[in-house]
């Protein structure tokens, strides 16, 4: 979250500086600089789009289970943690789960198939 705010502030400062410079620059020089800045911004936008697409590949999301309540099951299974399949590169974090008791199986952590 902090990195996002810093990026936003830096972007605003760059835009403000460029706007100020364009206001006092000669037309021919400002035109050349604007062309170069547009090309650089376009390449950066494509790079950010590819980076975002690769980051959001399905099956790679993080899972966090925290502060769950207690679970009691009669004749079945009780789960206060996480149950899922192993595989992919998803990270699972389980902490401060409630107690679980069952006649079948009970899980208070991470149970991966």
PDB file of N, CA and C in Angstrom:
ATOM      1  N   UNK A   1       0.814  -1.186   0.000  1.00  0.00           N
ATOM      2  CA  UNK A   1       0.000   0.000   0.000  1.00  0.00           C
ATOM      3  C   UNK A   1       0.861   1.254   0.000  1.00  0.00           C
ATOM      4  N   UNK A   2       1.944   1.248   0.745  1.00  0.00           N
ATOM      5  CA  UNK A   2       2.831   2.406   0.807  1.00  0.00           C
ATOM      6  C   UNK A   2       3.492   2.635  -0.547  1.00  0.00           C
ATOM      7  N   UNK A   3       3.889   1.550  -1.214  1.00  0.00           N
ATOM      8  CA  UNK A   3       4.522   1.690  -2.528  1.00  0.00           C
ATOM      9  C   UNK A   3       3.567   2.340  -3.523  1.00  0.00           C
ATOM     10  N   UNK A   4       2.284   1.998  -3.443  1.00  0.00           N
ATOM     11  CA  UNK A   4       1.286   2.585  -4.337  1.00  0.00           C
ATOM     12  C   UNK A   4       1.140   4.080  -4.110  1.00  0.00           C
ATOM     13  N   UNK A   5       1.137   4.501  -2.847  1.00  0.00           N
ATOM     14  CA  UNK A   5       1.017   5.924  -2.534  1.00  0.00           C
ATOM     15  C   UNK A   5       2.247   6.690  -2.997  1.00  0.00           C
ATOM     16  N   UNK A   6       3.425   6.101  -2.796  1.00  0.00           N
ATOM     17  CA  UNK A   6       4.662   6.758  -3.232  1.00  0.00           C
ATOM     18  C   UNK A   6       4.656   6.898  -4.754  1.00  0.00           C
ATOM     19  N   UNK A   7       4.236   5.846  -5.440  1.00  0.00           N
ATOM     20  CA  UNK A   7       4.174   5.888  -6.909  1.00  0.00           C
ATOM     21  C   UNK A   7       3.222   6.977  -7.373  1.00  0.00           C
ATOM     22  N   UNK A   8       2.077   7.101  -6.717  1.00  0.00           N
ATOM     23  CA  UNK A   8       1.103   8.122  -7.088  1.00  0.00           C
ATOM     24  C   UNK A   8       1.658   9.527  -6.872  1.00  0.00           C
ATOM     25  N   UNK A   9       2.317   9.750  -5.752  1.00  0.00           N
ATOM     26  CA  UNK A   9       2.885  11.069  -5.457  1.00  0.00           C
ATOM     27  C   UNK A   9       3.975  11.417  -6.469  1.00  0.00           C
ATOM     28  N   UNK A  10       4.860  10.478  -6.756  1.00  0.00           N
ATOM     29  CA  UNK A  10       5.934  10.726  -7.732  1.00  0.00           C
ATOM     30  C   UNK A  10       5.342  11.023  -9.101  1.00  0.00           C
ATOM     31  N   UNK A  11       4.320  10.273  -9.497  1.00  0.00           N
ATOM     32  CA  UNK A  11       3.679  10.506 -10.797  1.00  0.00           C
ATOM     33  C   UNK A  11       3.082  11.913 -10.858  1.00  0.00           C
ATOM     34  N   UNK A  12       2.408  12.317  -9.801  1.00  0.00           N
ATOM     35  CA  UNK A  12       1.826  13.671  -9.765  1.00  0.00           C
ATOM     36  C   UNK A  12       2.909  14.750  -9.849  1.00  0.00           C
ATOM     37  N   UNK A  13       4.022  14.535  -9.159  1.00  0.00           N
ATOM     38  CA  UNK A  13       5.120  15.510  -9.218  1.00  0.00           C
ATOM     39  C   UNK A  13       5.717  15.601 -10.622  1.00  0.00           C
ATOM     40  N   UNK A  14       5.885  14.460 -11.283  1.00  0.00           N
ATOM     41  CA  UNK A  14       6.428  14.466 -12.651  1.00  0.00           C
ATOM     42  C   UNK A  14       5.473  15.188 -13.594  1.00  0.00           C
ATOM     43  N   UNK A  15       4.178  14.918 -13.467  1.00  0.00           N
ATOM     44  CA  UNK A  15       3.190  15.583 -14.324  1.00  0.00           C
ATOM     45  C   UNK A  15       3.192  17.093 -14.061  1.00  0.00           C
ATOM     46  N   UNK A  16       3.271  17.491 -12.808  1.00  0.00           N
ATOM     47  CA  UNK A  16       3.292  18.926 -12.485  1.00  0.00           C
ATOM     48  C   UNK A  16       4.546  19.593 -13.042  1.00  0.00           C
ATOM     49  N   UNK A  17       5.693  18.923 -12.916  1.00  0.00           N
ATOM     50  CA  UNK A  17       6.940  19.482 -13.442  1.00  0.00           C
ATOM     51  C   UNK A  17       6.887  19.599 -14.963  1.00  0.00           C
ATOM     52  N   UNK A  18       6.378  18.569 -15.629  1.00  0.00           N
ATOM     53  CA  UNK A  18       6.280  18.608 -17.091  1.00  0.00           C
ATOM     54  C   UNK A  18       5.329  19.714 -17.533  1.00  0.00           C
ATOM     55  N   UNK A  19       4.226  19.876 -16.835  1.00  0.00           N
ATOM     56  CA  UNK A  19       3.267  20.932 -17.175  1.00  0.00           C
ATOM     57  C   UNK A  19       3.899  22.309 -17.018  1.00  0.00           C
ATOM     58  N   UNK A  20       4.636  22.508 -15.940  1.00  0.00           N
ATOM     59  CA  UNK A  20       5.320  23.786 -15.739  1.00  0.00           C
ATOM     60  C   UNK A  20       6.354  24.057 -16.805  1.00  0.00           C
ATOM     61  N   UNK A  21       7.111  23.011 -17.173  1.00  0.00           N
ATOM     62  CA  UNK A  21       8.132  23.194 -18.198  1.00  0.00           C
ATOM     63  C   UNK A  21       7.500  23.501 -19.557  1.00  0.00           C
ATOM     64  N   UNK A  22       6.397  22.785 -19.896  1.00  0.00           N
ATOM     65  CA  UNK A  22       5.729  23.041 -21.171  1.00  0.00           C
ATOM     66  C   UNK A  22       5.180  24.468 -21.241  1.00  0.00           C
ATOM     67  N   UNK A  23       4.830  25.040 -20.111  1.00  0.00           N
ATOM     68  CA  UNK A  23       4.282  26.397 -20.089  1.00  0.00           C
ATOM     69  C   UNK A  23       5.328  27.440 -20.447  1.00  0.00           C
ATOM     70  N   UNK A  24       6.616  27.185 -20.182  1.00  0.00           N
ATOM     71  CA  UNK A  24       7.644  28.193 -20.438  1.00  0.00           C
ATOM     72  C   UNK A  24       8.563  27.837 -21.609  1.00  0.00           C
ATOM     73  N   UNK A  25       8.462  26.622 -22.127  1.00  0.00           N
ATOM     74  CA  UNK A  25       9.364  26.187 -23.209  1.00  0.00           C
ATOM     75  C   UNK A  25       8.912  26.750 -24.558  1.00  0.00           C
ATOM     76  N   UNK A  26       9.866  26.806 -25.498  1.00  0.00           N
ATOM     77  CA  UNK A  26       9.526  27.193 -26.866  1.00  0.00           C
ATOM     78  C   UNK A  26       8.727  26.066 -27.508  1.00  0.00           C
ATOM     79  N   UNK A  27       7.867  26.429 -28.447  1.00  0.00           N
ATOM     80  CA  UNK A  27       6.945  25.474 -29.056  1.00  0.00           C
ATOM     81  C   UNK A  27       7.680  24.307 -29.725  1.00  0.00           C
ATOM     82  N   UNK A  28       8.743  24.578 -30.484  1.00  0.00           N
ATOM     83  CA  UNK A  28       9.447  23.514 -31.199  1.00  0.00           C
ATOM     84  C   UNK A  28      10.092  22.528 -30.220  1.00  0.00           C
ATOM     85  N   UNK A  29      10.709  23.058 -29.185  1.00  0.00           N
ATOM     86  CA  UNK A  29      11.367  22.197 -28.199  1.00  0.00           C
ATOM     87  C   UNK A  29      10.327  21.402 -27.395  1.00  0.00           C
ATOM     88  N   UNK A  30       9.251  22.030 -27.007  1.00  0.00           N
ATOM     89  CA  UNK A  30       8.196  21.353 -26.253  1.00  0.00           C
ATOM     90  C   UNK A  30       7.565  20.246 -27.090  1.00  0.00           C
ATOM     91  N   UNK A  31       7.430  20.480 -28.372  1.00  0.00           N
ATOM     92  CA  UNK A  31       6.851  19.476 -29.272  1.00  0.00           C
ATOM     93  C   UNK A  31       7.730  18.228 -29.326  1.00  0.00           C
ATOM     94  N   UNK A  32       9.035  18.403 -29.446  1.00  0.00           N
ATOM     95  CA  UNK A  32       9.950  17.255 -29.482  1.00  0.00           C
ATOM     96  C   UNK A  32       9.932  16.484 -28.167  1.00  0.00           C
ATOM     97  N   UNK A  33       9.995  17.201 -27.066  1.00  0.00           N
ATOM     98  CA  UNK A  33       9.998  16.550 -25.753  1.00  0.00           C
ATOM     99  C   UNK A  33       8.681  15.814 -25.518  1.00  0.00           C
ATOM    100  N   UNK A  34       7.573  16.421 -25.908  1.00  0.00           N
ATOM    101  CA  UNK A  34       6.269  15.779 -25.732  1.00  0.00           C
ATOM    102  C   UNK A  34       6.176  14.495 -26.542  1.00  0.00           C
ATOM    103  N   UNK A  35       6.750  14.481 -27.733  1.00  0.00           N
ATOM    104  CA  UNK A  35       6.744  13.275 -28.555  1.00  0.00           C
ATOM    105  C   UNK A  35       7.530  12.155 -27.881  1.00  0.00           C
ATOM    106  N   UNK A  36       8.696  12.466 -27.369  1.00  0.00           N
ATOM    107  CA  UNK A  36       9.520  11.469 -26.691  1.00  0.00           C
ATOM    108  C   UNK A  36       8.829  10.976 -25.419  1.00  0.00           C
ATOM    109  N   UNK A  37       8.271  11.900 -24.648  1.00  0.00           N
ATOM    110  CA  UNK A  37       7.590  11.496 -23.416  1.00  0.00           C
ATOM    111  C   UNK A  37       6.385  10.602 -23.711  1.00  0.00           C
ATOM    112  N   UNK A  38       5.681  10.868 -24.774  1.00  0.00           N
ATOM    113  CA  UNK A  38       4.534  10.047 -25.154  1.00  0.00           C
ATOM    114  C   UNK A  38       4.972   8.631 -25.519  1.00  0.00           C
ATOM    115  N   UNK A  39       6.058   8.537 -26.266  1.00  0.00           N
ATOM    116  CA  UNK A  39       6.568   7.214 -26.641  1.00  0.00           C
ATOM    117  C   UNK A  39       7.029   6.421 -25.419  1.00  0.00           C
ATOM    118  N   UNK A  40       7.740   7.067 -24.523  1.00  0.00           N
ATOM    119  CA  UNK A  40       8.205   6.400 -23.299  1.00  0.00           C
ATOM    120  C   UNK A  40       7.014   5.970 -22.439  1.00  0.00           C
ATOM    121  N   UNK A  41       6.011   6.832 -22.311  1.00  0.00           N
ATOM    122  CA  UNK A  41       4.825   6.500 -21.522  1.00  0.00           C
ATOM    123  C   UNK A  41       4.066   5.321 -22.122  1.00  0.00           C
ATOM    124  N   UNK A  42       4.003   5.247 -23.448  1.00  0.00           N
ATOM    125  CA  UNK A  42       3.314   4.132 -24.105  1.00  0.00           C
ATOM    126  C   UNK A  42       4.031   2.810 -23.833  1.00  0.00           C
ATOM    127  N   UNK A  43       5.337   2.805 -23.938  1.00  0.00           N
ATOM    128  CA  UNK A  43       6.101   1.585 -23.648  1.00  0.00           C
ATOM    129  C   UNK A  43       5.945   1.192 -22.181  1.00  0.00           C
ATOM    130  N   UNK A  44       5.973   2.171 -21.285  1.00  0.00           N
ATOM    131  CA  UNK A  44       5.793   1.886 -19.860  1.00  0.00           C
ATOM    132  C   UNK A  44       4.406   1.316 -19.587  1.00  0.00           C
ATOM    133  N   UNK A  45       3.389   1.843 -20.244  1.00  0.00           N
ATOM    134  CA  UNK A  45       2.026   1.350 -20.049  1.00  0.00           C
ATOM    135  C   UNK A  45       1.892  -0.100 -20.498  1.00  0.00           C
ATOM    136  N   UNK A  46       2.504  -0.445 -21.620  1.00  0.00           N
ATOM    137  CA  UNK A  46       2.474  -1.833 -22.082  1.00  0.00           C
ATOM    138  C   UNK A  46       3.196  -2.738 -21.087  1.00  0.00           C
ATOM    139  N   UNK A  47       4.328  -2.295 -20.581  1.00  0.00           N
ATOM    140  CA  UNK A  47       5.064  -3.080 -19.595  1.00  0.00           C
ATOM    141  C   UNK A  47       4.268  -3.306 -18.326  1.00  0.00           C
ATOM    142  N   UNK A  48       3.591  -2.273 -17.835  1.00  0.00           N
ATOM    143  CA  UNK A  48       2.773  -2.402 -16.632  1.00  0.00           C
ATOM    144  C   UNK A  48       1.593  -3.340 -16.882  1.00  0.00           C
ATOM    145  N   UNK A  49       1.001  -3.267 -18.060  1.00  0.00           N
ATOM    146  CA  UNK A  49      -0.124  -4.151 -18.383  1.00  0.00           C
ATOM    147  C   UNK A  49       0.310  -5.610 -18.413  1.00  0.00           C
ATOM    148  N   UNK A  50       1.460  -5.887 -18.994  1.00  0.00           N
ATOM    149  CA  UNK A  50       1.969  -7.264 -19.025  1.00  0.00           C
ATOM    150  C   UNK A  50       2.301  -7.732 -17.614  1.00  0.00           C
ATOM    151  N   UNK A  51       2.934  -6.881 -16.823  1.00  0.00           N
ATOM    152  CA  UNK A  51       3.269  -7.225 -15.442  1.00  0.00           C
ATOM    153  C   UNK A  51       1.999  -7.544 -14.642  1.00  0.00           C
ATOM    154  N   UNK A  52       0.960  -6.732 -14.780  1.00  0.00           N
ATOM    155  CA  UNK A  52      -0.292  -6.954 -14.050  1.00  0.00           C
ATOM    156  C   UNK A  52      -0.968  -8.239 -14.498  1.00  0.00           C
ATOM    157  N   UNK A  53      -0.922  -8.516 -15.805  1.00  0.00           N
ATOM    158  CA  UNK A  53      -1.539  -9.747 -16.308  1.00  0.00           C
ATOM    159  C   UNK A  53      -0.816 -10.983 -15.781  1.00  0.00           C
ATOM    160  N   UNK A  54       0.496 -10.936 -15.724  1.00  0.00           N
ATOM    161  CA  UNK A  54       1.256 -12.080 -15.211  1.00  0.00           C
ATOM    162  C   UNK A  54       1.059 -12.263 -13.714  1.00  0.00           C
ATOM    163  N   UNK A  55       0.845 -11.178 -12.999  1.00  0.00           N
ATOM    164  CA  UNK A  55       0.622 -11.257 -11.552  1.00  0.00           C
ATOM    165  C   UNK A  55      -0.707 -11.877 -11.197  1.00  0.00           C
ATOM    166  N   UNK A  56      -1.692 -11.738 -12.053  1.00  0.00           N
ATOM    167  CA  UNK A  56      -3.034 -12.207 -11.741  1.00  0.00           C
ATOM    168  C   UNK A  56      -3.371 -13.526 -12.428  1.00  0.00           C
ATOM    169  N   UNK A  57      -2.374 -14.367 -12.651  1.00  0.00           N
ATOM    170  CA  UNK A  57      -2.623 -15.669 -13.254  1.00  0.00           C
ATOM    171  C   UNK A  57      -3.464 -16.499 -12.291  1.00  0.00           C
ATOM    172  N   UNK A  58      -4.557 -17.131 -12.758  1.00  0.00           N
ATOM    173  CA  UNK A  58      -5.396 -17.934 -11.872  1.00  0.00           C
ATOM    174  C   UNK A  58      -4.590 -19.036 -11.191  1.00  0.00           C
ATOM    175  N   UNK A  59      -4.928 -19.308  -9.948  1.00  0.00           N
ATOM    176  CA  UNK A  59      -4.252 -20.355  -9.195  1.00  0.00           C
ATOM    177  C   UNK A  59      -3.037 -19.863  -8.436  1.00  0.00           C
ATOM    178  N   UNK A  60      -2.740 -18.580  -8.529  1.00  0.00           N
ATOM    179  CA  UNK A  60      -1.573 -18.063  -7.843  1.00  0.00           C
ATOM    180  C   UNK A  60      -1.938 -17.054  -6.759  1.00  0.00           C
ATOM    181  N   UNK A  61      -3.196 -16.992  -6.382  1.00  0.00           N
ATOM    182  CA  UNK A  61      -3.615 -16.035  -5.366  1.00  0.00           C
ATOM    183  C   UNK A  61      -3.196 -16.507  -3.974  1.00  0.00           C
ATOM    184  N   UNK A  62      -2.980 -15.572  -3.109  1.00  0.00           N
ATOM    185  CA  UNK A  62      -2.665 -15.894  -1.724  1.00  0.00           C
ATOM    186  C   UNK A  62      -3.962 -16.112  -0.957  1.00  0.00           C
ATOM    187  N   UNK A  63      -3.920 -17.045  -0.002  1.00  0.00           N
ATOM    188  CA  UNK A  63      -5.075 -17.333   0.836  1.00  0.00           C
ATOM    189  C   UNK A  63      -4.669 -17.100   2.277  1.00  0.00           C
ATOM    190  N   UNK A  64      -5.488 -16.346   3.005  1.00  0.00           N
ATOM    191  CA  UNK A  64      -5.207 -16.110   4.413  1.00  0.00           C
ATOM    192  C   UNK A  64      -6.453 -16.418   5.220  1.00  0.00           C
ATOM    193  N   UNK A  65      -6.286 -17.267   6.230  1.00  0.00           N
ATOM    194  CA  UNK A  65      -7.368 -17.612   7.136  1.00  0.00           C
ATOM    195  C   UNK A  65      -6.937 -17.183   8.524  1.00  0.00           C
ATOM    196  N   UNK A  66      -7.739 -16.349   9.183  1.00  0.00           N
ATOM    197  CA  UNK A  66      -7.341 -15.825  10.479  1.00  0.00           C
ATOM    198  C   UNK A  66      -8.562 -15.578  11.353  1.00  0.00           C
ATOM    199  N   UNK A  67      -8.390 -15.811  12.642  1.00  0.00           N
ATOM    200  CA  UNK A  67      -9.394 -15.500  13.656  1.00  0.00           C
ATOM    201  C   UNK A  67     -10.748 -16.140  13.366  1.00  0.00           C
ATOM    202  N   UNK A  68     -10.753 -17.423  13.092  1.00  0.00           N
ATOM    203  CA  UNK A  68     -12.003 -18.128  12.853  1.00  0.00           C
ATOM    204  C   UNK A  68     -12.589 -18.593  14.174  1.00  0.00           C
ATOM    205  N   UNK A  69     -13.843 -18.919  14.156  1.00  0.00           N
ATOM    206  CA  UNK A  69     -14.511 -19.407  15.364  1.00  0.00           C
ATOM    207  C   UNK A  69     -14.300 -20.900  15.545  1.00  0.00           C
ATOM    208  N   UNK A  70     -14.973 -21.466  16.524  1.00  0.00           N
ATOM    209  CA  UNK A  70     -14.886 -22.904  16.800  1.00  0.00           C
ATOM    210  C   UNK A  70     -15.848 -23.663  15.904  1.00  0.00           C
ATOM    211  N   UNK A  71     -15.548 -24.962  15.719  1.00  0.00           N
ATOM    212  CA  UNK A  71     -16.410 -25.813  14.913  1.00  0.00           C
ATOM    213  C   UNK A  71     -16.573 -27.168  15.594  1.00  0.00           C
ATOM    214  N   UNK A  72     -17.804 -27.630  15.657  1.00  0.00           N
ATOM    215  CA  UNK A  72     -18.109 -28.941  16.224  1.00  0.00           C
ATOM    216  C   UNK A  72     -18.987 -29.679  15.227  1.00  0.00           C
ATOM    217  N   UNK A  73     -18.612 -30.906  14.915  1.00  0.00           N
ATOM    218  CA  UNK A  73     -19.390 -31.700  13.962  1.00  0.00           C
ATOM    219  C   UNK A  73     -19.707 -33.056  14.581  1.00  0.00           C
ATOM    220  N   UNK A  74     -20.931 -33.519  14.369  1.00  0.00           N
ATOM    221  CA  UNK A  74     -21.329 -34.841  14.839  1.00  0.00           C
ATOM    222  C   UNK A  74     -21.547 -35.711  13.615  1.00  0.00           C
ATOM    223  N   UNK A  75     -20.669 -36.691  13.444  1.00  0.00           N
ATOM    224  CA  UNK A  75     -20.793 -37.607  12.313  1.00  0.00           C
ATOM    225  C   UNK A  75     -20.211 -37.077  11.020  1.00  0.00           C
ATOM    226  N   UNK A  76     -19.428 -36.026  11.055  1.00  0.00           N
ATOM    227  CA  UNK A  76     -18.840 -35.474   9.832  1.00  0.00           C
ATOM    228  C   UNK A  76     -17.457 -34.954  10.103  1.00  0.00           C
ATOM    229  N   UNK A  77     -17.142 -33.818   9.516  1.00  0.00           N
ATOM    230  CA  UNK A  77     -15.828 -33.221   9.735  1.00  0.00           C
ATOM    231  C   UNK A  77     -15.984 -31.753  10.121  1.00  0.00           C
ATOM    232  N   UNK A  78     -15.066 -31.278  10.936  1.00  0.00           N
ATOM    233  CA  UNK A  78     -15.076 -29.887  11.390  1.00  0.00           C
ATOM    234  C   UNK A  78     -13.823 -29.192  10.869  1.00  0.00           C
ATOM    235  N   UNK A  79     -13.997 -27.970  10.399  1.00  0.00           N
ATOM    236  CA  UNK A  79     -12.879 -27.236   9.813  1.00  0.00           C
ATOM    237  C   UNK A  79     -12.932 -25.783  10.253  1.00  0.00           C
ATOM    238  N   UNK A  80     -11.864 -25.312  10.895  1.00  0.00           N
ATOM    239  CA  UNK A  80     -11.758 -23.888  11.211  1.00  0.00           C
ATOM    240  C   UNK A  80     -10.553 -23.272  10.514  1.00  0.00           C
ATOM    241  N   UNK A  81      -9.917 -24.045   9.650  1.00  0.00           N
ATOM    242  CA  UNK A  81      -8.734 -23.570   8.941  1.00  0.00           C
ATOM    243  C   UNK A  81      -8.984 -23.492   7.455  1.00  0.00           C
ATOM    244  N   UNK A  82      -8.145 -24.153   6.697  1.00  0.00           N
ATOM    245  CA  UNK A  82      -8.222 -24.136   5.239  1.00  0.00           C
ATOM    246  C   UNK A  82      -8.134 -25.552   4.706  1.00  0.00           C
ATOM    247  N   UNK A  83      -9.013 -25.900   3.785  1.00  0.00           N
ATOM    248  CA  UNK A  83      -8.944 -27.173   3.068  1.00  0.00           C
ATOM    249  C   UNK A  83      -8.890 -26.851   1.584  1.00  0.00           C
ATOM    250  N   UNK A  84      -7.956 -27.463   0.906  1.00  0.00           N
ATOM    251  CA  UNK A  84      -7.837 -27.225  -0.523  1.00  0.00           C
ATOM    252  C   UNK A  84      -6.896 -28.220  -1.157  1.00  0.00           C
ATOM    253  N   UNK A  85      -6.632 -28.005  -2.416  1.00  0.00           N
ATOM    254  CA  UNK A  85      -5.735 -28.895  -3.142  1.00  0.00           C
ATOM    255  C   UNK A  85      -4.346 -28.283  -3.193  1.00  0.00           C
ATOM    256  N   UNK A  86      -3.367 -29.145  -3.106  1.00  0.00           N
ATOM    257  CA  UNK A  86      -1.981 -28.694  -3.232  1.00  0.00           C
ATOM    258  C   UNK A  86      -1.668 -28.531  -4.706  1.00  0.00           C
ATOM    259  N   UNK A  87      -0.819 -27.601  -5.018  1.00  0.00           N
ATOM    260  CA  UNK A  87      -0.453 -27.387  -6.413  1.00  0.00           C
ATOM    261  C   UNK A  87      -0.452 -25.912  -6.725  1.00  0.00           C
ATOM    262  N   UNK A  88       0.133 -25.588  -7.838  1.00  0.00           N
ATOM    263  CA  UNK A  88       0.256 -24.184  -8.197  1.00  0.00           C
ATOM    264  C   UNK A  88       1.247 -23.501  -7.270  1.00  0.00           C
ATOM    265  N   UNK A  89       1.236 -22.210  -7.285  1.00  0.00           N
ATOM    266  CA  UNK A  89       2.164 -21.479  -6.425  1.00  0.00           C
ATOM    267  C   UNK A  89       1.418 -20.615  -5.417  1.00  0.00           C
ATOM    268  N   UNK A  90       0.181 -20.979  -5.099  1.00  0.00           N
ATOM    269  CA  UNK A  90      -0.584 -20.225  -4.116  1.00  0.00           C
ATOM    270  C   UNK A  90       0.030 -20.400  -2.733  1.00  0.00           C
ATOM    271  N   UNK A  91       0.072 -19.333  -1.984  1.00  0.00           N
ATOM    272  CA  UNK A  91       0.566 -19.388  -0.615  1.00  0.00           C
ATOM    273  C   UNK A  91      -0.631 -19.382   0.318  1.00  0.00           C
ATOM    274  N   UNK A  92      -0.586 -20.250   1.320  1.00  0.00           N
ATOM    275  CA  UNK A  92      -1.665 -20.346   2.293  1.00  0.00           C
ATOM    276  C   UNK A  92      -1.111 -19.964   3.657  1.00  0.00           C
ATOM    277  N   UNK A  93      -1.796 -19.050   4.330  1.00  0.00           N
ATOM    278  CA  UNK A  93      -1.388 -18.639   5.678  1.00  0.00           C
ATOM    279  C   UNK A  93      -2.581 -18.821   6.607  1.00  0.00           C
ATOM    280  N   UNK A  94      -2.374 -19.589   7.656  1.00  0.00           N
ATOM    281  CA  UNK A  94      -3.428 -19.862   8.620  1.00  0.00           C
ATOM    282  C   UNK A  94      -2.911 -19.490  10.002  1.00  0.00           C
ATOM    283  N   UNK A  95      -3.641 -18.618  10.712  1.00  0.00           N
ATOM    284  CA  UNK A  95      -3.232 -18.274  12.067  1.00  0.00           C
ATOM    285  C   UNK A  95      -4.448 -17.941  12.925  1.00  0.00           C
ATOM    286  N   UNK A  96      -4.324 -18.165  14.208  1.00  0.00           N
ATOM    287  CA  UNK A  96      -5.343 -17.888  15.215  1.00  0.00           C
ATOM    288  C   UNK A  96      -6.703 -18.471  14.865  1.00  0.00           C
ATOM    289  N   UNK A  97      -6.723 -19.746  14.505  1.00  0.00           N
ATOM    290  CA  UNK A  97      -7.993 -20.391  14.194  1.00  0.00           C
ATOM    291  C   UNK A  97      -8.620 -20.932  15.469  1.00  0.00           C
ATOM    292  N   UNK A  98      -9.920 -21.132  15.425  1.00  0.00           N
ATOM    293  CA  UNK A  98     -10.638 -21.677  16.564  1.00  0.00           C
ATOM    294  C   UNK A  98     -10.419 -23.177  16.688  1.00  0.00           C
ATOM    295  N   UNK A  99     -10.990 -23.758  17.723  1.00  0.00           N
ATOM    296  CA  UNK A  99     -10.843 -25.202  17.924  1.00  0.00           C
ATOM    297  C   UNK A  99     -11.855 -25.951  17.058  1.00  0.00           C
ATOM    298  N   UNK A 100     -11.525 -27.185  16.736  1.00  0.00           N
ATOM    299  CA  UNK A 100     -12.408 -28.021  15.932  1.00  0.00           C
ATOM    300  C   UNK A 100     -12.471 -29.407  16.551  1.00  0.00           C
ATOM    301  N   UNK A 101     -13.683 -29.925  16.703  1.00  0.00           N
ATOM    302  CA  UNK A 101     -13.839 -31.293  17.202  1.00  0.00           C
ATOM    303  C   UNK A 101     -14.918 -31.986  16.381  1.00  0.00           C
ATOM    304  N   UNK A 102     -14.649 -33.240  16.061  1.00  0.00           N
ATOM    305  CA  UNK A 102     -15.572 -33.983  15.212  1.00  0.00           C
ATOM    306  C   UNK A 102     -15.416 -35.475  15.461  1.00  0.00           C
ATOM    307  N   UNK A 103     -16.479 -36.224  15.148  1.00  0.00           N
ATOM    308  CA  UNK A 103     -16.389 -37.675  15.197  1.00  0.00           C
ATOM    309  C   UNK A 103     -15.598 -38.178  13.994  1.00  0.00           C
ATOM    310  N   UNK A 104     -15.589 -37.415  12.925  1.00  0.00           N
ATOM    311  CA  UNK A 104     -14.827 -37.760  11.728  1.00  0.00           C
ATOM    312  C   UNK A 104     -13.455 -37.109  11.774  1.00  0.00           C
ATOM    313  N   UNK A 105     -13.229 -36.132  10.917  1.00  0.00           N
ATOM    314  CA  UNK A 105     -11.935 -35.439  10.898  1.00  0.00           C
ATOM    315  C   UNK A 105     -12.106 -33.998  11.361  1.00  0.00           C
ATOM    316  N   UNK A 106     -11.071 -33.474  11.988  1.00  0.00           N
ATOM    317  CA  UNK A 106     -11.078 -32.094  12.462  1.00  0.00           C
ATOM    318  C   UNK A 106      -9.822 -31.399  11.964  1.00  0.00           C
ATOM    319  N   UNK A 107      -9.974 -30.167  11.486  1.00  0.00           N
ATOM    320  CA  UNK A 107      -8.853 -29.413  10.944  1.00  0.00           C
ATOM    321  C   UNK A 107      -8.869 -28.005  11.503  1.00  0.00           C
ATOM    322  N   UNK A 108      -7.743 -27.586  12.089  1.00  0.00           N
ATOM    323  CA  UNK A 108      -7.622 -26.200  12.560  1.00  0.00           C
ATOM    324  C   UNK A 108      -6.481 -25.472  11.859  1.00  0.00           C
ATOM    325  N   UNK A 109      -5.841 -26.118  10.909  1.00  0.00           N
ATOM    326  CA  UNK A 109      -4.718 -25.507  10.197  1.00  0.00           C
ATOM    327  C   UNK A 109      -4.974 -25.515   8.705  1.00  0.00           C
ATOM    328  N   UNK A 110      -3.991 -25.970   7.963  1.00  0.00           N
ATOM    329  CA  UNK A 110      -4.116 -26.084   6.510  1.00  0.00           C
ATOM    330  C   UNK A 110      -4.086 -27.553   6.136  1.00  0.00           C
ATOM    331  N   UNK A 111      -5.133 -28.017   5.476  1.00  0.00           N
ATOM    332  CA  UNK A 111      -5.224 -29.407   5.030  1.00  0.00           C
ATOM    333  C   UNK A 111      -5.247 -29.404   3.512  1.00  0.00           C
ATOM    334  N   UNK A 112      -4.167 -29.889   2.932  1.00  0.00           N
ATOM    335  CA  UNK A 112      -4.035 -29.899   1.478  1.00  0.00           C
ATOM    336  C   UNK A 112      -4.160 -31.314   0.941  1.00  0.00           C
ATOM    337  N   UNK A 113      -4.968 -31.486  -0.081  1.00  0.00           N
ATOM    338  CA  UNK A 113      -5.147 -32.810  -0.706  1.00  0.00           C
ATOM    339  C   UNK A 113      -3.981 -33.137  -1.605  1.00  0.00           C
TER     340      UNK A 113
END
